Amino acid sequence: MKALKLIFILFMTIDFNVYADKNEQLVTQGKGLYNQHCVMCHGASGAGDGPVGSNLSKKIQPFKKYSDKQIIDILNGGKKDVMPDYRATLTAEQKEAIAKYINSL
């Protein structure tokens, strides 16, 4: 019973705003990176209607709901003949930030 009380007290003292602030920072960072690397093909809303994307022979599909990990995997691998591989271009945190931003759209 004492352990349960201790866990409850520790849980109540956690500052969840720290996590919210970090998430907001990642989304803000992700927006800038998205505008730099992605918007030209995917468009501002992720509909695939960016100035370059709308002129590609293979139509870019609007974003679906993917987990952050799935988006990071796509960024790491690219899409054959359509999307570059960002494995060496972006850091792990930058890819996480883009994923968070995409999922905030």
N, C-alpha and C. Protein backbone atom coordinates (compact mmCIF):
# COMPACT_ATOMS: atom_id res chain seq x y z
N MET A 1 0.82 -1.19 0.00
CA MET A 1 0.00 0.00 0.00
C MET A 1 0.87 1.27 0.00
N LYS A 2 1.99 1.22 0.76
CA LYS A 2 2.89 2.38 0.80
C LYS A 2 3.48 2.64 -0.59
N ALA A 3 3.81 1.55 -1.30
CA ALA A 3 4.38 1.71 -2.64
C ALA A 3 3.37 2.37 -3.57
N LEU A 4 2.12 2.00 -3.45
CA LEU A 4 1.07 2.58 -4.28
C LEU A 4 0.91 4.07 -3.99
N LYS A 5 0.96 4.43 -2.70
CA LYS A 5 0.88 5.86 -2.33
C LYS A 5 2.07 6.62 -2.90
N LEU A 6 3.26 6.03 -2.81
CA LEU A 6 4.46 6.67 -3.32
C LEU A 6 4.37 6.88 -4.83
N ILE A 7 3.91 5.88 -5.54
CA ILE A 7 3.74 6.00 -6.99
C ILE A 7 2.74 7.11 -7.31
N PHE A 8 1.64 7.16 -6.57
CA PHE A 8 0.63 8.20 -6.78
C PHE A 8 1.22 9.58 -6.55
N ILE A 9 1.98 9.74 -5.47
CA ILE A 9 2.58 11.04 -5.16
C ILE A 9 3.58 11.44 -6.24
N LEU A 10 4.39 10.50 -6.69
CA LEU A 10 5.35 10.80 -7.76
C LEU A 10 4.63 11.18 -9.04
N PHE A 11 3.55 10.47 -9.36
CA PHE A 11 2.78 10.76 -10.56
C PHE A 11 2.18 12.16 -10.50
N MET A 12 1.71 12.55 -9.34
CA MET A 12 1.07 13.86 -9.18
C MET A 12 2.08 15.01 -9.24
N THR A 13 3.35 14.72 -9.01
CA THR A 13 4.35 15.79 -9.03
C THR A 13 5.01 15.96 -10.40
N ILE A 14 4.70 15.09 -11.36
CA ILE A 14 5.27 15.20 -12.69
C ILE A 14 4.69 16.43 -13.38
N ASP A 15 5.53 17.21 -13.97
CA ASP A 15 5.10 18.41 -14.70
C ASP A 15 4.85 18.03 -16.16
N PHE A 16 3.61 17.75 -16.48
CA PHE A 16 3.27 17.34 -17.84
C PHE A 16 3.39 18.47 -18.83
N ASN A 17 3.46 19.70 -18.35
CA ASN A 17 3.66 20.84 -19.25
C ASN A 17 5.00 20.77 -19.96
N VAL A 18 5.99 20.16 -19.31
CA VAL A 18 7.31 20.00 -19.93
C VAL A 18 7.16 19.19 -21.21
N TYR A 19 6.37 18.12 -21.15
CA TYR A 19 6.18 17.28 -22.33
C TYR A 19 5.36 18.01 -23.39
N ALA A 20 4.36 18.77 -22.98
CA ALA A 20 3.55 19.54 -23.93
C ALA A 20 4.41 20.60 -24.61
N ASP A 21 5.26 21.27 -23.83
CA ASP A 21 6.13 22.29 -24.40
C ASP A 21 7.10 21.68 -25.41
N LYS A 22 7.66 20.53 -25.08
CA LYS A 22 8.59 19.85 -25.99
C LYS A 22 7.87 19.48 -27.28
N ASN A 23 6.65 18.98 -27.17
CA ASN A 23 5.87 18.62 -28.35
C ASN A 23 5.58 19.85 -29.20
N GLU A 24 5.21 20.95 -28.57
CA GLU A 24 4.95 22.19 -29.30
C GLU A 24 6.21 22.68 -30.01
N GLN A 25 7.35 22.56 -29.34
CA GLN A 25 8.61 22.97 -29.96
C GLN A 25 8.93 22.11 -31.18
N LEU A 26 8.68 20.80 -31.06
CA LEU A 26 8.92 19.90 -32.19
C LEU A 26 8.00 20.23 -33.36
N VAL A 27 6.73 20.51 -33.07
CA VAL A 27 5.79 20.86 -34.13
C VAL A 27 6.22 22.14 -34.83
N THR A 28 6.64 23.14 -34.06
CA THR A 28 7.11 24.40 -34.64
C THR A 28 8.35 24.17 -35.49
N GLN A 29 9.31 23.41 -34.96
CA GLN A 29 10.51 23.09 -35.72
C GLN A 29 10.14 22.30 -36.98
N GLY A 30 9.22 21.36 -36.82
CA GLY A 30 8.79 20.52 -37.94
C GLY A 30 8.14 21.32 -39.05
N LYS A 31 7.39 22.35 -38.68
CA LYS A 31 6.75 23.19 -39.70
C LYS A 31 7.80 23.87 -40.58
N GLY A 32 8.83 24.41 -39.95
CA GLY A 32 9.90 25.05 -40.72
C GLY A 32 10.62 24.06 -41.63
N LEU A 33 10.91 22.87 -41.10
CA LEU A 33 11.58 21.84 -41.90
C LEU A 33 10.68 21.33 -43.02
N TYR A 34 9.40 21.18 -42.72
CA TYR A 34 8.44 20.75 -43.74
C TYR A 34 8.39 21.78 -44.87
N ASN A 35 8.33 23.05 -44.50
CA ASN A 35 8.31 24.10 -45.53
C ASN A 35 9.58 24.12 -46.35
N GLN A 36 10.68 23.75 -45.75
CA GLN A 36 11.97 23.73 -46.44
C GLN A 36 12.13 22.50 -47.34
N HIS A 37 11.68 21.34 -46.89
CA HIS A 37 11.98 20.09 -47.60
C HIS A 37 10.77 19.41 -48.27
N CYS A 38 9.56 19.71 -47.83
CA CYS A 38 8.41 18.89 -48.24
C CYS A 38 7.31 19.63 -48.97
N VAL A 39 7.13 20.91 -48.64
CA VAL A 39 5.95 21.63 -49.13
C VAL A 39 5.92 21.74 -50.66
N MET A 40 7.08 21.76 -51.31
CA MET A 40 7.10 21.92 -52.76
C MET A 40 6.42 20.76 -53.49
N CYS A 41 6.41 19.59 -52.88
CA CYS A 41 5.71 18.45 -53.49
C CYS A 41 4.39 18.15 -52.79
N HIS A 42 4.41 18.14 -51.46
CA HIS A 42 3.23 17.73 -50.71
C HIS A 42 2.22 18.84 -50.50
N GLY A 43 2.61 20.09 -50.70
CA GLY A 43 1.70 21.21 -50.50
C GLY A 43 1.58 21.59 -49.03
N ALA A 44 1.01 22.77 -48.79
CA ALA A 44 0.92 23.31 -47.43
C ALA A 44 0.07 22.45 -46.51
N SER A 45 -0.94 21.81 -47.04
CA SER A 45 -1.83 21.00 -46.20
C SER A 45 -1.57 19.51 -46.31
N GLY A 46 -0.57 19.13 -47.11
CA GLY A 46 -0.26 17.71 -47.27
C GLY A 46 -1.14 17.01 -48.28
N ALA A 47 -1.80 17.78 -49.15
CA ALA A 47 -2.73 17.21 -50.13
C ALA A 47 -2.03 16.73 -51.40
N GLY A 48 -0.70 16.93 -51.48
CA GLY A 48 0.03 16.52 -52.67
C GLY A 48 -0.07 17.51 -53.80
N ASP A 49 -0.44 18.75 -53.46
CA ASP A 49 -0.69 19.76 -54.48
C ASP A 49 0.35 20.88 -54.49
N GLY A 50 1.57 20.56 -54.06
CA GLY A 50 2.63 21.55 -54.10
C GLY A 50 3.00 21.88 -55.54
N PRO A 51 3.71 22.96 -55.78
CA PRO A 51 4.04 23.37 -57.14
C PRO A 51 4.81 22.32 -57.94
N VAL A 52 5.67 21.57 -57.29
CA VAL A 52 6.41 20.50 -57.98
C VAL A 52 5.56 19.24 -58.04
N GLY A 53 4.93 18.91 -56.92
CA GLY A 53 4.14 17.68 -56.83
C GLY A 53 3.01 17.61 -57.84
N SER A 54 2.38 18.73 -58.11
CA SER A 54 1.25 18.72 -59.05
C SER A 54 1.72 18.52 -60.49
N ASN A 55 3.03 18.68 -60.75
CA ASN A 55 3.56 18.49 -62.10
C ASN A 55 4.25 17.15 -62.30
N LEU A 56 4.27 16.32 -61.27
CA LEU A 56 4.89 15.00 -61.41
C LEU A 56 3.99 14.06 -62.20
N SER A 57 4.59 13.12 -62.91
CA SER A 57 3.79 12.16 -63.67
C SER A 57 3.05 11.20 -62.75
N LYS A 58 3.63 10.92 -61.57
CA LYS A 58 2.97 10.07 -60.59
C LYS A 58 2.34 10.97 -59.53
N LYS A 59 1.01 10.92 -59.42
CA LYS A 59 0.29 11.79 -58.50
C LYS A 59 0.65 11.47 -57.04
N ILE A 60 0.92 12.52 -56.28
CA ILE A 60 1.21 12.36 -54.86
C ILE A 60 -0.12 12.29 -54.12
N GLN A 61 -0.27 11.23 -53.34
CA GLN A 61 -1.50 11.05 -52.58
C GLN A 61 -1.50 11.95 -51.35
N PRO A 62 -2.68 12.42 -50.94
CA PRO A 62 -2.75 13.20 -49.69
C PRO A 62 -2.25 12.37 -48.51
N PHE A 63 -1.75 13.05 -47.50
CA PHE A 63 -1.27 12.34 -46.31
C PHE A 63 -2.39 11.52 -45.70
N LYS A 64 -2.03 10.32 -45.28
CA LYS A 64 -2.92 9.49 -44.49
C LYS A 64 -2.43 9.59 -43.06
N LYS A 65 -3.19 9.04 -42.17
CA LYS A 65 -2.77 9.03 -40.76
C LYS A 65 -1.74 7.93 -40.58
N TYR A 66 -0.51 8.33 -40.33
CA TYR A 66 0.58 7.41 -40.04
C TYR A 66 1.10 7.73 -38.65
N SER A 67 1.73 6.75 -38.04
CA SER A 67 2.40 7.00 -36.76
C SER A 67 3.67 7.81 -37.05
N ASP A 68 4.20 8.44 -36.02
CA ASP A 68 5.45 9.17 -36.19
C ASP A 68 6.54 8.24 -36.72
N LYS A 69 6.60 7.03 -36.20
CA LYS A 69 7.61 6.07 -36.64
C LYS A 69 7.46 5.74 -38.12
N GLN A 70 6.23 5.58 -38.59
CA GLN A 70 6.02 5.28 -40.01
C GLN A 70 6.49 6.45 -40.89
N ILE A 71 6.22 7.66 -40.46
CA ILE A 71 6.66 8.83 -41.22
C ILE A 71 8.18 8.90 -41.23
N ILE A 72 8.81 8.64 -40.09
CA ILE A 72 10.27 8.65 -40.02
C ILE A 72 10.85 7.58 -40.93
N ASP A 73 10.22 6.41 -40.96
CA ASP A 73 10.68 5.33 -41.85
C ASP A 73 10.60 5.77 -43.31
N ILE A 74 9.53 6.47 -43.68
CA ILE A 74 9.39 6.98 -45.05
C ILE A 74 10.48 8.02 -45.34
N LEU A 75 10.71 8.91 -44.39
CA LEU A 75 11.77 9.91 -44.57
C LEU A 75 13.14 9.24 -44.73
N ASN A 76 13.36 8.17 -43.99
CA ASN A 76 14.64 7.47 -44.08
C ASN A 76 14.81 6.71 -45.39
N GLY A 77 13.73 6.20 -45.93
CA GLY A 77 13.83 5.38 -47.13
C GLY A 77 13.45 6.08 -48.41
N GLY A 78 12.72 7.19 -48.31
CA GLY A 78 12.24 7.86 -49.51
C GLY A 78 11.22 6.99 -50.23
N LYS A 79 10.86 7.41 -51.42
CA LYS A 79 9.95 6.65 -52.28
C LYS A 79 10.62 6.55 -53.64
N LYS A 80 10.78 5.35 -54.12
CA LYS A 80 11.52 5.10 -55.36
C LYS A 80 11.04 6.01 -56.49
N ASP A 81 11.97 6.71 -57.12
CA ASP A 81 11.74 7.58 -58.27
C ASP A 81 10.80 8.76 -57.98
N VAL A 82 10.43 8.98 -56.72
CA VAL A 82 9.51 10.07 -56.42
C VAL A 82 10.04 10.98 -55.30
N MET A 83 10.44 10.36 -54.20
CA MET A 83 10.84 11.14 -53.03
C MET A 83 12.25 10.76 -52.60
N PRO A 84 13.09 11.77 -52.34
CA PRO A 84 14.47 11.46 -51.92
C PRO A 84 14.51 10.83 -50.52
N ASP A 85 15.61 10.21 -50.27
CA ASP A 85 15.92 9.61 -48.98
C ASP A 85 16.54 10.70 -48.10
N TYR A 86 15.95 10.96 -46.94
CA TYR A 86 16.45 12.01 -46.05
C TYR A 86 17.28 11.47 -44.90
N ARG A 87 17.70 10.22 -45.01
CA ARG A 87 18.47 9.57 -43.93
C ARG A 87 19.70 10.39 -43.55
N ALA A 88 20.46 10.86 -44.51
CA ALA A 88 21.70 11.60 -44.22
C ALA A 88 21.48 13.10 -44.20
N THR A 89 20.36 13.56 -44.70
CA THR A 89 20.09 15.00 -44.80
C THR A 89 19.55 15.58 -43.50
N LEU A 90 18.70 14.81 -42.81
CA LEU A 90 18.05 15.29 -41.60
C LEU A 90 18.50 14.48 -40.39
N THR A 91 18.59 15.14 -39.25
CA THR A 91 18.91 14.43 -38.01
C THR A 91 17.67 13.66 -37.53
N ALA A 92 17.88 12.80 -36.56
CA ALA A 92 16.76 12.04 -35.98
C ALA A 92 15.73 13.00 -35.38
N GLU A 93 16.19 14.04 -34.69
CA GLU A 93 15.26 15.00 -34.09
C GLU A 93 14.49 15.77 -35.18
N GLN A 94 15.16 16.13 -36.26
CA GLN A 94 14.48 16.84 -37.34
C GLN A 94 13.39 15.97 -37.98
N LYS A 95 13.69 14.69 -38.16
CA LYS A 95 12.68 13.78 -38.73
C LYS A 95 11.52 13.61 -37.77
N GLU A 96 11.81 13.53 -36.47
CA GLU A 96 10.74 13.44 -35.48
C GLU A 96 9.88 14.70 -35.52
N ALA A 97 10.53 15.86 -35.66
CA ALA A 97 9.81 17.14 -35.71
C ALA A 97 8.89 17.18 -36.94
N ILE A 98 9.38 16.75 -38.08
CA ILE A 98 8.54 16.72 -39.29
C ILE A 98 7.36 15.79 -39.09
N ALA A 99 7.61 14.64 -38.49
CA ALA A 99 6.52 13.68 -38.24
C ALA A 99 5.46 14.29 -37.32
N LYS A 100 5.89 14.95 -36.28
CA LYS A 100 4.95 15.59 -35.35
C LYS A 100 4.15 16.68 -36.09
N TYR A 101 4.82 17.45 -36.93
CA TYR A 101 4.12 18.51 -37.67
C TYR A 101 3.10 17.90 -38.62
N ILE A 102 3.49 16.89 -39.37
CA ILE A 102 2.57 16.24 -40.32
C ILE A 102 1.34 15.73 -39.59
N ASN A 103 1.56 15.13 -38.43
CA ASN A 103 0.42 14.59 -37.68
C ASN A 103 -0.40 15.68 -37.01
N SER A 104 0.09 16.91 -37.01
CA SER A 104 -0.70 18.02 -36.46
C SER A 104 -1.57 18.68 -37.54
N LEU A 105 -1.33 18.33 -38.81
CA LEU A 105 -2.11 18.96 -39.89
C LEU A 105 -3.56 18.49 -39.85
